[in-house]
């Protein structure tokens, strides 16, 4: 399925794109809603729907992925805040409708990647827009365990930093600019102490992705400043404003080179048109299912190439990484890198 990804620049929309690709879909465009440049306090809008902190860097995000970016200014505001959304002129949800309508017309997409995890408010409104446009929302993170999700994001090599804090225990001076892996132990501690949502689903923090396996280049922050939005004594609200950024070419990490082994593998199709992989010796038992989804790495590879209608022995040889190590995150991370290097 041709898919457009609704992005904010944060970790969730990024990881959901990775899940879309693993499920065999093709990300062909990115879509983002931004505040008006001349609007007071435009870095951080009071919106129930959209993350706007870090919006100045979204252009680089798209350039790093080498994908077309469609953007629309948020003109509306939160008007219909009920549990069930009804189309209403002037509501900020209608800005999303107009944006996705344009993307569908230009890119002929059938689905929309959405990084929603817990917010029924967002889910209901995205589903409303998608239904009106005959688009399929793809929300692979929906109601997943947040501790598991955060761990998976880090293991999948999503390099995201904290760009907004708004919760008890999160200090602008200490935590803004920190990476997910640096923050994970502390976020788990805050969750136990104060009930903080580990993935920030309660608005406790927001992130911006500087690098991930989907990026052809990585984003470098050259200069930034801390902006205090609300100087509350117990739970100050503050965000990081990017002043200077640039893109930098990526070089293969050691983990990315693991597929470069001498072991050969062959690609075959059985009668059901499902890809099978055979190596120099009998592979024995099929590796166990991965995570809570019960999806094996074999199935991930097969789904992708069935949709793509193309074969690359180089890419399929990454399966051997999983066969040797049973490290799903390492194998899938390498797989993502190779997909975007080849295609």
C-alpha atoms as a PDB file:
ATOM      1  CA  UNK A   1       0.000   0.000   0.000  1.00  0.00           C
ATOM      2  CA  UNK A   2       1.209   3.494  -0.837  1.00  0.00           C
ATOM      3  CA  UNK A   3       1.296   5.392   2.446  1.00  0.00           C
ATOM      4  CA  UNK A   4       1.793   8.999   3.525  1.00  0.00           C
ATOM      5  CA  UNK A   5       3.145   9.499   7.035  1.00  0.00           C
ATOM      6  CA  UNK A   6       1.658  12.131   9.302  1.00  0.00           C
ATOM      7  CA  UNK A   7       4.697  13.409  11.190  1.00  0.00           C
ATOM      8  CA  UNK A   8       5.513  15.864  13.946  1.00  0.00           C
ATOM      9  CA  UNK A   9       9.230  15.102  13.967  1.00  0.00           C
ATOM     10  CA  UNK A  10       8.895  13.037  17.129  1.00  0.00           C
ATOM     11  CA  UNK A  11       9.742   9.454  17.982  1.00  0.00           C
ATOM     12  CA  UNK A  12       6.236   7.983  17.701  1.00  0.00           C
ATOM     13  CA  UNK A  13       5.510   9.000  14.121  1.00  0.00           C
ATOM     14  CA  UNK A  14       9.004   7.842  13.177  1.00  0.00           C
ATOM     15  CA  UNK A  15       8.658   4.409  14.772  1.00  0.00           C
ATOM     16  CA  UNK A  16       5.207   3.901  13.250  1.00  0.00           C
ATOM     17  CA  UNK A  17       6.728   4.499   9.812  1.00  0.00           C
ATOM     18  CA  UNK A  18       9.228   1.750  10.541  1.00  0.00           C
ATOM     19  CA  UNK A  19       6.366  -0.558  11.472  1.00  0.00           C
ATOM     20  CA  UNK A  20       4.528   0.326   8.255  1.00  0.00           C
ATOM     21  CA  UNK A  21       7.557  -0.646   6.209  1.00  0.00           C
ATOM     22  CA  UNK A  22       7.994  -3.868   8.176  1.00  0.00           C
ATOM     23  CA  UNK A  23       4.353  -4.691   7.344  1.00  0.00           C
ATOM     24  CA  UNK A  24       5.062  -4.309   3.637  1.00  0.00           C
ATOM     25  CA  UNK A  25       3.818  -0.778   2.992  1.00  0.00           C
ATOM     26  CA  UNK A  26       5.674   1.914   1.049  1.00  0.00           C
ATOM     27  CA  UNK A  27       6.146   5.375   2.558  1.00  0.00           C
ATOM     28  CA  UNK A  28       5.945   7.765  -0.396  1.00  0.00           C
ATOM     29  CA  UNK A  29       5.399  11.156   1.272  1.00  0.00           C
ATOM     30  CA  UNK A  30       5.360  13.010   4.578  1.00  0.00           C
ATOM     31  CA  UNK A  31       2.650  15.352   5.871  1.00  0.00           C
ATOM     32  CA  UNK A  32       2.894  17.951   8.621  1.00  0.00           C
ATOM     33  CA  UNK A  33       0.753  20.714  10.092  1.00  0.00           C
ATOM     34  CA  UNK A  34       2.561  23.802  11.335  1.00  0.00           C
ATOM     35  CA  UNK A  35       1.651  27.086  13.041  1.00  0.00           C
ATOM     36  CA  UNK A  36       1.701  30.389  11.189  1.00  0.00           C
ATOM     37  CA  UNK A  37       5.156  31.965  11.234  1.00  0.00           C
ATOM     38  CA  UNK A  38       3.847  35.357  12.359  1.00  0.00           C
ATOM     39  CA  UNK A  39       1.775  33.903  15.190  1.00  0.00           C
ATOM     40  CA  UNK A  40       2.810  34.858  18.722  1.00  0.00           C
ATOM     41  CA  UNK A  41       4.256  31.853  20.514  1.00  0.00           C
ATOM     42  CA  UNK A  42       4.194  29.846  17.290  1.00  0.00           C
ATOM     43  CA  UNK A  43       6.774  27.359  18.571  1.00  0.00           C
ATOM     44  CA  UNK A  44       4.222  25.871  20.952  1.00  0.00           C
ATOM     45  CA  UNK A  45       0.536  26.109  20.073  1.00  0.00           C
ATOM     46  CA  UNK A  46      -2.147  25.212  22.592  1.00  0.00           C
ATOM     47  CA  UNK A  47      -3.470  22.330  20.504  1.00  0.00           C
ATOM     48  CA  UNK A  48      -5.147  19.087  21.533  1.00  0.00           C
ATOM     49  CA  UNK A  49      -4.159  17.522  18.211  1.00  0.00           C
ATOM     50  CA  UNK A  50      -0.723  18.577  17.059  1.00  0.00           C
ATOM     51  CA  UNK A  51       2.855  18.780  18.312  1.00  0.00           C
ATOM     52  CA  UNK A  52       4.310  22.040  17.044  1.00  0.00           C
ATOM     53  CA  UNK A  53       7.520  22.299  19.065  1.00  0.00           C
ATOM     54  CA  UNK A  54      10.430  21.666  16.706  1.00  0.00           C
ATOM     55  CA  UNK A  55       8.387  22.409  13.582  1.00  0.00           C
ATOM     56  CA  UNK A  56      11.207  24.537  12.136  1.00  0.00           C
ATOM     57  CA  UNK A  57      13.299  21.376  11.694  1.00  0.00           C
ATOM     58  CA  UNK A  58      10.670  19.287   9.894  1.00  0.00           C
ATOM     59  CA  UNK A  59      11.955  20.370   6.463  1.00  0.00           C
ATOM     60  CA  UNK A  60      15.333  18.829   7.307  1.00  0.00           C
ATOM     61  CA  UNK A  61      13.562  15.698   8.561  1.00  0.00           C
ATOM     62  CA  UNK A  62      12.000  15.218   5.131  1.00  0.00           C
ATOM     63  CA  UNK A  63      15.274  15.976   3.383  1.00  0.00           C
ATOM     64  CA  UNK A  64      17.007  13.381   5.563  1.00  0.00           C
ATOM     65  CA  UNK A  65      14.487  10.792   4.351  1.00  0.00           C
ATOM     66  CA  UNK A  66      14.623  12.051   0.747  1.00  0.00           C
ATOM     67  CA  UNK A  67      10.816  12.158   0.579  1.00  0.00           C
ATOM     68  CA  UNK A  68       8.396  14.890  -0.537  1.00  0.00           C
ATOM     69  CA  UNK A  69       6.935  16.902   2.341  1.00  0.00           C
ATOM     70  CA  UNK A  70       3.446  18.403   2.301  1.00  0.00           C
ATOM     71  CA  UNK A  71       2.765  21.091   4.902  1.00  0.00           C
ATOM     72  CA  UNK A  72      -0.236  23.197   5.793  1.00  0.00           C
ATOM     73  CA  UNK A  73      -0.605  26.050   8.246  1.00  0.00           C
ATOM     74  CA  UNK A  74      -2.940  25.410  11.178  1.00  0.00           C
ATOM     75  CA  UNK A  75      -5.689  27.985  10.735  1.00  0.00           C
ATOM     76  CA  UNK A  76      -8.379  26.492  12.940  1.00  0.00           C
ATOM     77  CA  UNK A  77      -8.595  25.834  16.655  1.00  0.00           C
ATOM     78  CA  UNK A  78     -10.051  23.152  18.917  1.00  0.00           C
ATOM     79  CA  UNK A  79     -13.791  23.727  18.660  1.00  0.00           C
ATOM     80  CA  UNK A  80     -15.470  20.331  18.774  1.00  0.00           C
ATOM     81  CA  UNK A  81     -13.777  18.675  21.760  1.00  0.00           C
ATOM     82  CA  UNK A  82     -16.370  15.962  22.333  1.00  0.00           C
ATOM     83  CA  UNK A  83     -15.722  12.237  22.351  1.00  0.00           C
ATOM     84  CA  UNK A  84     -17.212  11.951  18.855  1.00  0.00           C
ATOM     85  CA  UNK A  85     -16.015  14.450  16.259  1.00  0.00           C
ATOM     86  CA  UNK A  86     -18.419  16.048  13.789  1.00  0.00           C
ATOM     87  CA  UNK A  87     -17.132  18.022  10.808  1.00  0.00           C
ATOM     88  CA  UNK A  88     -17.058  21.671  11.811  1.00  0.00           C
ATOM     89  CA  UNK A  89     -15.773  24.678   9.893  1.00  0.00           C
ATOM     90  CA  UNK A  90     -12.977  26.459  11.732  1.00  0.00           C
ATOM     91  CA  UNK A  91     -11.883  23.411  13.717  1.00  0.00           C
ATOM     92  CA  UNK A  92      -8.193  22.511  13.512  1.00  0.00           C
ATOM     93  CA  UNK A  93      -9.168  18.996  12.415  1.00  0.00           C
ATOM     94  CA  UNK A  94     -10.354  20.456   9.107  1.00  0.00           C
ATOM     95  CA  UNK A  95      -6.793  21.618   8.459  1.00  0.00           C
ATOM     96  CA  UNK A  96      -5.766  17.969   8.654  1.00  0.00           C
ATOM     97  CA  UNK A  97      -8.543  17.076   6.207  1.00  0.00           C
ATOM     98  CA  UNK A  98      -7.354  19.622   3.646  1.00  0.00           C
ATOM     99  CA  UNK A  99      -3.739  18.522   4.039  1.00  0.00           C
ATOM    100  CA  UNK A 100      -4.437  14.815   3.564  1.00  0.00           C
ATOM    101  CA  UNK A 101      -6.830  15.537   0.708  1.00  0.00           C
ATOM    102  CA  UNK A 102      -3.975  17.267  -1.129  1.00  0.00           C
ATOM    103  CA  UNK A 103      -1.531  14.453  -0.379  1.00  0.00           C
ATOM    104  CA  UNK A 104      -3.976  11.846  -1.662  1.00  0.00           C
ATOM    105  CA  UNK A 105      -4.513  13.775  -4.897  1.00  0.00           C
ATOM    106  CA  UNK A 106      -0.805  14.331  -5.528  1.00  0.00           C
ATOM    107  CA  UNK A 107       0.671  11.011  -4.359  1.00  0.00           C
ATOM    108  CA  UNK A 108      -2.236   8.569  -4.875  1.00  0.00           C
ATOM    109  CA  UNK A 109      -1.849   7.187  -1.372  1.00  0.00           C
ATOM    110  CA  UNK A 110      -4.202   4.642   0.152  1.00  0.00           C
ATOM    111  CA  UNK A 111      -3.103   4.786   3.772  1.00  0.00           C
ATOM    112  CA  UNK A 112      -1.893   7.189   6.451  1.00  0.00           C
ATOM    113  CA  UNK A 113       0.782   6.333   9.021  1.00  0.00           C
ATOM    114  CA  UNK A 114      -0.213   7.708  12.437  1.00  0.00           C
ATOM    115  CA  UNK A 115       1.940   7.545  15.575  1.00  0.00           C
ATOM    116  CA  UNK A 116      -0.930   7.656  18.080  1.00  0.00           C
ATOM    117  CA  UNK A 117      -0.457   5.468  21.156  1.00  0.00           C
ATOM    118  CA  UNK A 118      -3.070   6.342  23.757  1.00  0.00           C
ATOM    119  CA  UNK A 119      -5.051   9.464  22.826  1.00  0.00           C
ATOM    120  CA  UNK A 120      -8.646   8.617  21.884  1.00  0.00           C
ATOM    121  CA  UNK A 121      -9.114  12.301  21.106  1.00  0.00           C
ATOM    122  CA  UNK A 122      -6.518  12.115  18.327  1.00  0.00           C
ATOM    123  CA  UNK A 123      -7.559   8.661  17.145  1.00  0.00           C
ATOM    124  CA  UNK A 124     -11.227   9.600  16.696  1.00  0.00           C
ATOM    125  CA  UNK A 125     -10.352  12.702  14.676  1.00  0.00           C
ATOM    126  CA  UNK A 126      -7.777  11.042  12.453  1.00  0.00           C
ATOM    127  CA  UNK A 127     -10.212   8.196  11.775  1.00  0.00           C
ATOM    128  CA  UNK A 128     -12.919  10.738  10.912  1.00  0.00           C
ATOM    129  CA  UNK A 129     -10.679  12.462   8.374  1.00  0.00           C
ATOM    130  CA  UNK A 130      -9.466   9.179   6.881  1.00  0.00           C
ATOM    131  CA  UNK A 131     -13.013   7.852   6.520  1.00  0.00           C
ATOM    132  CA  UNK A 132     -14.097  10.983   4.661  1.00  0.00           C
ATOM    133  CA  UNK A 133     -11.132  10.628   2.298  1.00  0.00           C
ATOM    134  CA  UNK A 134     -11.378   6.834   1.945  1.00  0.00           C
ATOM    135  CA  UNK A 135      -7.917   6.367   3.454  1.00  0.00           C
ATOM    136  CA  UNK A 136      -6.763   3.576   5.756  1.00  0.00           C
ATOM    137  CA  UNK A 137      -5.210   4.802   9.042  1.00  0.00           C
ATOM    138  CA  UNK A 138      -2.215   2.692  10.092  1.00  0.00           C
ATOM    139  CA  UNK A 139      -1.521   3.020  13.823  1.00  0.00           C
ATOM    140  CA  UNK A 140       0.734   0.119  14.796  1.00  0.00           C
ATOM    141  CA  UNK A 141       1.599   1.647  18.178  1.00  0.00           C
ATOM    142  CA  UNK A 142      -1.999   1.990  19.333  1.00  0.00           C
ATOM    143  CA  UNK A 143      -2.443   0.926  22.981  1.00  0.00           C
ATOM    144  CA  UNK A 144       0.913  -0.837  23.068  1.00  0.00           C
ATOM    145  CA  UNK A 145       2.683  -1.109  26.415  1.00  0.00           C
ATOM    146  CA  UNK A 146       4.694   2.111  26.675  1.00  0.00           C
ATOM    147  CA  UNK A 147       7.687   0.589  28.427  1.00  0.00           C
ATOM    148  CA  UNK A 148       7.966  -1.979  25.651  1.00  0.00           C
ATOM    149  CA  UNK A 149       7.575   0.693  22.992  1.00  0.00           C
ATOM    150  CA  UNK A 150      10.268   2.939  24.432  1.00  0.00           C
ATOM    151  CA  UNK A 151      12.641  -0.005  24.691  1.00  0.00           C
ATOM    152  CA  UNK A 152      11.925  -0.995  21.085  1.00  0.00           C
ATOM    153  CA  UNK A 153      12.454   2.534  19.805  1.00  0.00           C
ATOM    154  CA  UNK A 154      15.846   2.726  21.472  1.00  0.00           C
ATOM    155  CA  UNK A 155      16.816  -0.764  20.276  1.00  0.00           C
ATOM    156  CA  UNK A 156      15.736   0.175  16.743  1.00  0.00           C
ATOM    157  CA  UNK A 157      18.292   2.996  16.778  1.00  0.00           C
ATOM    158  CA  UNK A 158      15.885   5.921  16.816  1.00  0.00           C
ATOM    159  CA  UNK A 159      18.067   8.825  17.920  1.00  0.00           C
ATOM    160  CA  UNK A 160      15.512  11.257  19.353  1.00  0.00           C
ATOM    161  CA  UNK A 161      16.072  14.028  21.882  1.00  0.00           C
ATOM    162  CA  UNK A 162      13.773  15.616  24.448  1.00  0.00           C
ATOM    163  CA  UNK A 163      12.644  19.021  23.130  1.00  0.00           C
ATOM    164  CA  UNK A 164       9.845  19.783  25.594  1.00  0.00           C
ATOM    165  CA  UNK A 165       9.232  19.002  29.275  1.00  0.00           C
ATOM    166  CA  UNK A 166       5.989  19.551  31.182  1.00  0.00           C
ATOM    167  CA  UNK A 167       5.833  17.223  34.177  1.00  0.00           C
ATOM    168  CA  UNK A 168       6.843  16.846  37.795  1.00  0.00           C
ATOM    169  CA  UNK A 169      10.408  15.582  37.920  1.00  0.00           C
ATOM    170  CA  UNK A 170      11.449  16.847  34.493  1.00  0.00           C
ATOM    171  CA  UNK A 171      13.885  19.761  34.687  1.00  0.00           C
ATOM    172  CA  UNK A 172      14.470  21.994  31.632  1.00  0.00           C
ATOM    173  CA  UNK A 173      18.124  22.551  32.515  1.00  0.00           C
ATOM    174  CA  UNK A 174      18.831  18.864  33.094  1.00  0.00           C
ATOM    175  CA  UNK A 175      16.681  17.044  30.578  1.00  0.00           C
ATOM    176  CA  UNK A 176      16.128  19.135  27.448  1.00  0.00           C
ATOM    177  CA  UNK A 177      18.401  17.841  24.699  1.00  0.00           C
ATOM    178  CA  UNK A 178      18.889  14.426  26.306  1.00  0.00           C
ATOM    179  CA  UNK A 179      18.453  11.332  24.122  1.00  0.00           C
ATOM    180  CA  UNK A 180      15.883   8.598  24.683  1.00  0.00           C
ATOM    181  CA  UNK A 181      18.474   6.072  25.819  1.00  0.00           C
ATOM    182  CA  UNK A 182      19.880   8.595  28.308  1.00  0.00           C
ATOM    183  CA  UNK A 183      16.392   9.284  29.663  1.00  0.00           C
ATOM    184  CA  UNK A 184      14.933   5.772  29.727  1.00  0.00           C
ATOM    185  CA  UNK A 185      15.997   4.790  33.290  1.00  0.00           C
ATOM    186  CA  UNK A 186      14.816   8.113  34.704  1.00  0.00           C
ATOM    187  CA  UNK A 187      11.489   7.985  32.839  1.00  0.00           C
ATOM    188  CA  UNK A 188      10.852   4.508  34.238  1.00  0.00           C
ATOM    189  CA  UNK A 189      11.614   5.852  37.717  1.00  0.00           C
ATOM    190  CA  UNK A 190       9.216   8.792  37.246  1.00  0.00           C
ATOM    191  CA  UNK A 191       6.545   6.404  36.051  1.00  0.00           C
ATOM    192  CA  UNK A 192       6.776   4.400  39.260  1.00  0.00           C
ATOM    193  CA  UNK A 193       6.906   7.480  41.502  1.00  0.00           C
ATOM    194  CA  UNK A 194       4.388   9.819  39.893  1.00  0.00           C
ATOM    195  CA  UNK A 195       2.588   7.844  37.195  1.00  0.00           C
ATOM    196  CA  UNK A 196       4.363   9.641  34.361  1.00  0.00           C
ATOM    197  CA  UNK A 197       3.637   8.082  30.969  1.00  0.00           C
ATOM    198  CA  UNK A 198       6.940   6.573  29.833  1.00  0.00           C
ATOM    199  CA  UNK A 199       6.324   7.563  26.194  1.00  0.00           C
ATOM    200  CA  UNK A 200       5.008  11.004  27.148  1.00  0.00           C
ATOM    201  CA  UNK A 201       1.405  10.231  26.219  1.00  0.00           C
ATOM    202  CA  UNK A 202       0.164  12.496  28.988  1.00  0.00           C
ATOM    203  CA  UNK A 203       2.009  15.464  27.493  1.00  0.00           C
ATOM    204  CA  UNK A 204       4.907  15.033  29.937  1.00  0.00           C
ATOM    205  CA  UNK A 205       7.522  15.491  27.219  1.00  0.00           C
ATOM    206  CA  UNK A 206       7.974  15.685  23.467  1.00  0.00           C
ATOM    207  CA  UNK A 207      10.827  14.615  21.230  1.00  0.00           C
ATOM    208  CA  UNK A 208      12.475  15.302  17.898  1.00  0.00           C
ATOM    209  CA  UNK A 209      14.181  12.598  15.839  1.00  0.00           C
ATOM    210  CA  UNK A 210      17.686  13.437  14.655  1.00  0.00           C
ATOM    211  CA  UNK A 211      18.485  10.063  13.123  1.00  0.00           C
ATOM    212  CA  UNK A 212      16.944   6.647  12.527  1.00  0.00           C
ATOM    213  CA  UNK A 213      17.344   3.734  10.095  1.00  0.00           C
ATOM    214  CA  UNK A 214      14.973   5.467   7.659  1.00  0.00           C
ATOM    215  CA  UNK A 215      17.221   8.521   7.294  1.00  0.00           C
ATOM    216  CA  UNK A 216      19.741   8.771   4.483  1.00  0.00           C
ATOM    217  CA  UNK A 217      21.370  11.649   6.389  1.00  0.00           C
ATOM    218  CA  UNK A 218      21.315  12.629  10.042  1.00  0.00           C
ATOM    219  CA  UNK A 219      20.326  15.964  11.547  1.00  0.00           C
ATOM    220  CA  UNK A 220      22.935  17.835  13.578  1.00  0.00           C
ATOM    221  CA  UNK A 221      21.920  20.544  16.053  1.00  0.00           C
ATOM    222  CA  UNK A 222      24.544  23.301  15.940  1.00  0.00           C
ATOM    223  CA  UNK A 223      22.823  25.787  18.235  1.00  0.00           C
ATOM    224  CA  UNK A 224      19.680  25.880  20.360  1.00  0.00           C
ATOM    225  CA  UNK A 225      18.176  27.736  23.285  1.00  0.00           C
ATOM    226  CA  UNK A 226      15.856  26.873  26.165  1.00  0.00           C
ATOM    227  CA  UNK A 227      12.548  28.750  26.209  1.00  0.00           C
ATOM    228  CA  UNK A 228      10.563  28.790  29.457  1.00  0.00           C
ATOM    229  CA  UNK A 229       6.867  28.589  28.629  1.00  0.00           C
ATOM    230  CA  UNK A 230       5.616  28.385  32.216  1.00  0.00           C
ATOM    231  CA  UNK A 231       7.925  28.821  35.219  1.00  0.00           C
ATOM    232  CA  UNK A 232       5.953  26.572  37.566  1.00  0.00           C
ATOM    233  CA  UNK A 233       7.921  25.762  40.722  1.00  0.00           C
ATOM    234  CA  UNK A 234       7.060  22.057  40.631  1.00  0.00           C
ATOM    235  CA  UNK A 235       6.460  21.243  36.968  1.00  0.00           C
ATOM    236  CA  UNK A 236       7.905  23.950  34.706  1.00  0.00           C
ATOM    237  CA  UNK A 237       6.998  23.850  31.032  1.00  0.00           C
ATOM    238  CA  UNK A 238       9.894  24.569  28.703  1.00  0.00           C
ATOM    239  CA  UNK A 239      11.049  23.662  25.235  1.00  0.00           C
ATOM    240  CA  UNK A 240      14.156  23.644  23.091  1.00  0.00           C
ATOM    241  CA  UNK A 241      14.203  26.077  20.183  1.00  0.00           C
ATOM    242  CA  UNK A 242      16.512  25.069  17.350  1.00  0.00           C
ATOM    243  CA  UNK A 243      18.623  27.983  16.108  1.00  0.00           C
ATOM    244  CA  UNK A 244      21.012  26.274  13.696  1.00  0.00           C
ATOM    245  CA  UNK A 245      20.887  22.802  12.169  1.00  0.00           C
ATOM    246  CA  UNK A 246      22.460  20.964   9.272  1.00  0.00           C
ATOM    247  CA  UNK A 247      22.411  17.548   7.622  1.00  0.00           C
ATOM    248  CA  UNK A 248      25.398  15.241   7.708  1.00  0.00           C
ATOM    249  CA  UNK A 249      26.130  12.160   5.625  1.00  0.00           C
ATOM    250  CA  UNK A 250      25.804   8.871   7.459  1.00  0.00           C
ATOM    251  CA  UNK A 251      28.450   6.184   7.631  1.00  0.00           C
ATOM    252  CA  UNK A 252      27.779   2.528   8.290  1.00  0.00           C
ATOM    253  CA  UNK A 253      28.054   1.647  11.945  1.00  0.00           C
ATOM    254  CA  UNK A 254      29.639  -1.641  12.954  1.00  0.00           C
ATOM    255  CA  UNK A 255      26.189  -3.153  13.442  1.00  0.00           C
ATOM    256  CA  UNK A 256      25.248  -2.158   9.898  1.00  0.00           C
ATOM    257  CA  UNK A 257      28.206  -4.094   8.523  1.00  0.00           C
ATOM    258  CA  UNK A 258      27.268  -7.407  10.101  1.00  0.00           C
ATOM    259  CA  UNK A 259      25.365  -8.522   7.021  1.00  0.00           C
ATOM    260  CA  UNK A 260      28.590  -8.413   5.017  1.00  0.00           C
ATOM    261  CA  UNK A 261      29.389 -12.048   5.758  1.00  0.00           C
ATOM    262  CA  UNK A 262      30.736 -14.750   3.492  1.00  0.00           C
ATOM    263  CA  UNK A 263      27.720 -16.978   4.023  1.00  0.00           C
ATOM    264  CA  UNK A 264      25.585 -17.169   0.892  1.00  0.00           C
ATOM    265  CA  UNK A 265      21.833 -17.472   0.756  1.00  0.00           C
ATOM    266  CA  UNK A 266      19.325 -18.226  -1.962  1.00  0.00           C
ATOM    267  CA  UNK A 267      15.862 -16.816  -2.529  1.00  0.00           C
ATOM    268  CA  UNK A 268      13.006 -19.049  -3.655  1.00  0.00           C
ATOM    269  CA  UNK A 269       9.257 -18.743  -4.052  1.00  0.00           C
ATOM    270  CA  UNK A 270       6.992 -21.607  -3.074  1.00  0.00           C
ATOM    271  CA  UNK A 271       3.625 -22.428  -4.646  1.00  0.00           C
ATOM    272  CA  UNK A 272       1.904 -19.865  -2.431  1.00  0.00           C
ATOM    273  CA  UNK A 273       4.201 -17.114  -3.748  1.00  0.00           C
ATOM    274  CA  UNK A 274       5.833 -16.701  -0.335  1.00  0.00           C
ATOM    275  CA  UNK A 275       9.542 -16.055  -0.157  1.00  0.00           C
ATOM    276  CA  UNK A 276      11.729 -18.676   1.468  1.00  0.00           C
ATOM    277  CA  UNK A 277      15.390 -18.370   2.349  1.00  0.00           C
ATOM    278  CA  UNK A 278      17.891 -21.217   2.267  1.00  0.00           C
ATOM    279  CA  UNK A 279      21.531 -21.105   3.212  1.00  0.00           C
ATOM    280  CA  UNK A 280      24.563 -23.315   2.779  1.00  0.00           C
ATOM    281  CA  UNK A 281      23.335 -25.727   5.433  1.00  0.00           C
ATOM    282  CA  UNK A 282      19.996 -26.802   6.813  1.00  0.00           C
ATOM    283  CA  UNK A 283      18.595 -24.071   9.002  1.00  0.00           C
ATOM    284  CA  UNK A 284      16.934 -26.459  11.437  1.00  0.00           C
ATOM    285  CA  UNK A 285      14.078 -25.104  13.509  1.00  0.00           C
ATOM    286  CA  UNK A 286      12.434 -21.814  12.634  1.00  0.00           C
ATOM    287  CA  UNK A 287      13.433 -19.081  15.134  1.00  0.00           C
ATOM    288  CA  UNK A 288      10.814 -18.258  17.755  1.00  0.00           C
ATOM    289  CA  UNK A 289       8.171 -15.548  17.256  1.00  0.00           C
ATOM    290  CA  UNK A 290       9.245 -11.976  17.959  1.00  0.00           C
ATOM    291  CA  UNK A 291       7.730  -9.911  20.753  1.00  0.00           C
ATOM    292  CA  UNK A 292       4.042  -9.824  21.520  1.00  0.00           C
ATOM    293  CA  UNK A 293       3.026  -9.702  17.870  1.00  0.00           C
ATOM    294  CA  UNK A 294       4.125 -13.244  17.016  1.00  0.00           C
ATOM    295  CA  UNK A 295       5.718 -11.970  13.813  1.00  0.00           C
ATOM    296  CA  UNK A 296       8.980 -13.584  12.784  1.00  0.00           C
ATOM    297  CA  UNK A 297      11.766 -11.785  11.015  1.00  0.00           C
ATOM    298  CA  UNK A 298      11.157 -14.117   8.081  1.00  0.00           C
ATOM    299  CA  UNK A 299       7.583 -12.880   7.760  1.00  0.00           C
ATOM    300  CA  UNK A 300       8.714  -9.256   7.938  1.00  0.00           C
ATOM    301  CA  UNK A 301      11.091  -9.760   5.014  1.00  0.00           C
ATOM    302  CA  UNK A 302       8.566 -11.759   3.000  1.00  0.00           C
ATOM    303  CA  UNK A 303       5.815  -9.178   3.456  1.00  0.00           C
ATOM    304  CA  UNK A 304       8.068  -6.366   2.316  1.00  0.00           C
ATOM    305  CA  UNK A 305       9.267  -8.037  -0.842  1.00  0.00           C
ATOM    306  CA  UNK A 306       5.844  -9.402  -1.750  1.00  0.00           C
ATOM    307  CA  UNK A 307       4.604  -5.799  -1.823  1.00  0.00           C
ATOM    308  CA  UNK A 308       7.674  -4.489  -3.598  1.00  0.00           C
ATOM    309  CA  UNK A 309       7.619  -7.182  -6.304  1.00  0.00           C
ATOM    310  CA  UNK A 310      11.399  -7.088  -6.397  1.00  0.00           C
ATOM    311  CA  UNK A 311      14.146  -9.273  -5.015  1.00  0.00           C
ATOM    312  CA  UNK A 312      17.550  -8.337  -3.671  1.00  0.00           C
ATOM    313  CA  UNK A 313      19.698 -11.202  -2.361  1.00  0.00           C
ATOM    314  CA  UNK A 314      21.844  -8.618  -0.609  1.00  0.00           C
ATOM    315  CA  UNK A 315      18.910  -7.467   1.489  1.00  0.00           C
ATOM    316  CA  UNK A 316      17.578 -10.929   2.148  1.00  0.00           C
ATOM    317  CA  UNK A 317      20.956 -12.014   3.451  1.00  0.00           C
ATOM    318  CA  UNK A 318      20.283  -9.813   6.465  1.00  0.00           C
ATOM    319  CA  UNK A 319      18.086 -12.662   7.634  1.00  0.00           C
ATOM    320  CA  UNK A 320      21.275 -14.497   8.497  1.00  0.00           C
ATOM    321  CA  UNK A 321      21.947 -11.918  11.205  1.00  0.00           C
ATOM    322  CA  UNK A 322      18.774 -12.980  12.957  1.00  0.00           C
ATOM    323  CA  UNK A 323      19.525 -16.666  12.351  1.00  0.00           C
ATOM    324  CA  UNK A 324      22.889 -16.347  14.062  1.00  0.00           C
ATOM    325  CA  UNK A 325      21.990 -13.952  16.876  1.00  0.00           C
ATOM    326  CA  UNK A 326      18.181 -14.111  17.277  1.00  0.00           C
ATOM    327  CA  UNK A 327      18.554 -10.383  17.919  1.00  0.00           C
ATOM    328  CA  UNK A 328      15.426  -9.024  16.241  1.00  0.00           C
ATOM    329  CA  UNK A 329      16.213  -5.350  16.853  1.00  0.00           C
ATOM    330  CA  UNK A 330      19.706  -5.612  15.360  1.00  0.00           C
ATOM    331  CA  UNK A 331      18.514  -7.555  12.322  1.00  0.00           C
ATOM    332  CA  UNK A 332      15.546  -5.305  11.621  1.00  0.00           C
ATOM    333  CA  UNK A 333      17.615  -2.140  12.091  1.00  0.00           C
ATOM    334  CA  UNK A 334      20.076  -3.389   9.467  1.00  0.00           C
ATOM    335  CA  UNK A 335      17.175  -4.362   7.229  1.00  0.00           C
ATOM    336  CA  UNK A 336      15.749  -0.827   7.353  1.00  0.00           C
ATOM    337  CA  UNK A 337      19.140   0.678   6.526  1.00  0.00           C
ATOM    338  CA  UNK A 338      19.531  -1.562   3.495  1.00  0.00           C
ATOM    339  CA  UNK A 339      16.025  -0.968   2.169  1.00  0.00           C
ATOM    340  CA  UNK A 340      16.620   2.761   1.935  1.00  0.00           C
ATOM    341  CA  UNK A 341      20.161   2.344   0.640  1.00  0.00           C
ATOM    342  CA  UNK A 342      18.941   0.115  -2.206  1.00  0.00           C
ATOM    343  CA  UNK A 343      15.631   1.761  -3.036  1.00  0.00           C
END
